[in-house]
Amino acid sequence: MIKRHQAGSRMSQAVVAGNMVFISGQVADDPRGSILQQTGDVLAKIERLLAQAGATKSDLVNVGVFLPNIVDFDAMNSVYDAWIDPSNPPARACVEARLADPDLRIEITAVALIGTSA
């Protein structure tokens, strides 16, 4: 069974397939914010999407972080490290990549497995 959350004409913000949750690339609602603000906004959006799908951040298995300027790595990590469940950290990749809006400082994708957190 596949369930789509916040489906649009081009994409869904989250797709549940079986017990897996796939979160589309999330960006900040306000691209004028600092990397700290944008990271917090994106992580909050991911947490809401996980909840809609019946998962939590403890169920994350993989996270992809895209930064248009890798110098934001340490600042992004200061917010990410405070948000993530330290008992259940997911696999993660972080790459420098150009984003669709030049004002955006971060985009994050995620995959979770519903009901697997310890």
Protein backbone atom coordinates (compact mmCIF):
# COMPACT_ATOMS: atom_id res chain seq x y z
CA MET A 1 0.00 0.00 0.00
CA ILE A 2 1.22 3.49 -0.85
CA LYS A 3 -0.05 6.63 0.87
CA ARG A 4 0.94 10.12 -0.24
CA HIS A 5 1.03 13.09 2.14
CA GLN A 6 0.63 16.66 0.90
CA ALA A 7 0.49 15.51 -2.71
CA GLY A 8 0.79 18.10 -5.43
CA SER A 9 0.85 17.93 -9.21
CA ARG A 10 4.62 17.38 -9.30
CA MET A 11 5.43 15.58 -6.06
CA SER A 12 4.32 14.52 -2.61
CA GLN A 13 6.00 15.91 0.49
CA ALA A 14 6.06 12.39 1.95
CA VAL A 15 5.23 8.94 0.64
CA VAL A 16 4.58 5.91 2.82
CA ALA A 17 5.22 2.59 1.08
CA GLY A 18 4.63 -0.32 3.41
CA ASN A 19 6.46 0.63 6.60
CA MET A 20 8.89 3.01 4.87
CA VAL A 21 8.52 6.80 4.80
CA PHE A 22 10.23 8.83 2.09
CA ILE A 23 10.42 12.58 2.77
CA SER A 24 10.97 14.86 -0.23
CA GLY A 25 13.58 17.59 -0.11
CA GLN A 26 12.43 20.12 2.50
CA VAL A 27 13.46 23.76 2.45
CA ALA A 28 12.78 26.69 4.75
CA ASP A 29 9.56 28.66 4.34
CA ASP A 30 11.54 31.90 4.70
CA PRO A 31 14.71 31.81 2.56
CA ARG A 32 15.93 35.05 4.14
CA GLY A 33 16.70 33.36 7.46
CA SER A 34 20.15 32.38 8.66
CA ILE A 35 21.44 28.82 8.27
CA LEU A 36 20.47 28.26 11.92
CA GLN A 37 16.89 29.43 11.32
CA GLN A 38 16.53 27.56 8.04
CA THR A 39 17.90 24.33 9.48
CA GLY A 40 15.49 24.52 12.43
CA ASP A 41 12.57 25.22 10.10
CA VAL A 42 13.45 22.31 7.81
CA LEU A 43 13.89 19.85 10.68
CA ALA A 44 10.54 20.91 12.16
CA LYS A 45 8.88 20.29 8.79
CA ILE A 46 10.47 16.84 8.60
CA GLU A 47 9.29 16.04 12.12
CA ARG A 48 5.70 17.06 11.22
CA LEU A 49 5.77 14.94 8.05
CA LEU A 50 7.12 11.96 10.00
CA ALA A 51 4.30 12.35 12.54
CA GLN A 52 1.69 12.46 9.76
CA ALA A 53 3.13 9.19 8.48
CA GLY A 54 3.16 7.56 11.93
CA ALA A 55 6.92 7.82 12.51
CA THR A 56 9.29 9.85 14.66
CA LYS A 57 12.82 11.15 14.21
CA SER A 58 13.96 8.06 16.12
CA ASP A 59 12.73 6.00 13.14
CA LEU A 60 14.99 7.79 10.64
CA VAL A 61 17.33 5.48 8.75
CA ASN A 62 18.82 7.90 6.23
CA VAL A 63 19.14 11.67 5.88
CA GLY A 64 20.52 13.67 2.95
CA VAL A 65 21.67 17.24 3.60
CA PHE A 66 22.32 19.65 0.73
CA LEU A 67 24.17 22.89 1.42
CA PRO A 68 24.88 25.42 -1.35
CA ASN A 69 27.80 26.68 0.74
CA ILE A 70 29.71 24.03 2.69
CA VAL A 71 31.01 26.69 5.09
CA ASP A 72 27.55 26.37 6.72
CA PHE A 73 28.39 22.77 7.73
CA ASP A 74 29.31 23.48 11.38
CA ALA A 75 26.37 25.85 11.97
CA MET A 76 23.94 23.37 10.39
CA ASN A 77 25.35 20.59 12.58
CA SER A 78 24.85 22.65 15.74
CA VAL A 79 21.08 22.62 15.07
CA TYR A 80 20.95 19.09 13.63
CA ASP A 81 22.89 17.58 16.56
CA ALA A 82 20.48 19.13 19.07
CA TRP A 83 17.48 17.81 17.11
CA ILE A 84 18.48 14.26 16.22
CA ASP A 85 17.86 11.35 18.60
CA PRO A 86 21.43 10.54 19.77
CA SER A 87 20.37 6.98 20.66
CA ASN A 88 19.13 6.36 17.10
CA PRO A 89 21.23 8.41 14.66
CA PRO A 90 20.48 7.73 11.00
CA ALA A 91 22.98 7.21 8.22
CA ARG A 92 23.66 10.63 6.69
CA ALA A 93 25.33 12.28 3.74
CA CYS A 94 26.02 16.01 3.43
CA VAL A 95 27.02 17.52 0.11
CA GLU A 96 27.54 20.94 -1.35
CA ALA A 97 24.95 21.53 -4.08
CA ARG A 98 23.25 24.44 -5.79
CA LEU A 99 19.58 24.74 -4.73
CA ALA A 100 16.59 25.95 -6.76
CA ASP A 101 16.39 29.31 -4.94
CA PRO A 102 19.74 31.08 -4.47
CA ASP A 103 18.60 32.40 -1.06
CA LEU A 104 18.04 28.92 0.37
CA ARG A 105 20.84 27.75 2.66
CA ILE A 106 19.77 24.10 3.13
CA GLU A 107 17.61 21.27 1.80
CA ILE A 108 17.11 17.94 3.58
CA THR A 109 15.64 14.61 2.46
CA ALA A 110 14.90 11.71 4.79
CA VAL A 111 13.87 8.06 4.90
CA ALA A 112 12.34 6.39 7.95
CA LEU A 113 11.10 2.94 8.89
CA ILE A 114 7.83 3.19 10.84
CA GLY A 115 7.86 1.69 14.32
CA THR A 116 11.48 0.61 14.51
CA SER A 117 12.89 2.99 17.13
CA ALA A 118 14.31 1.31 20.19
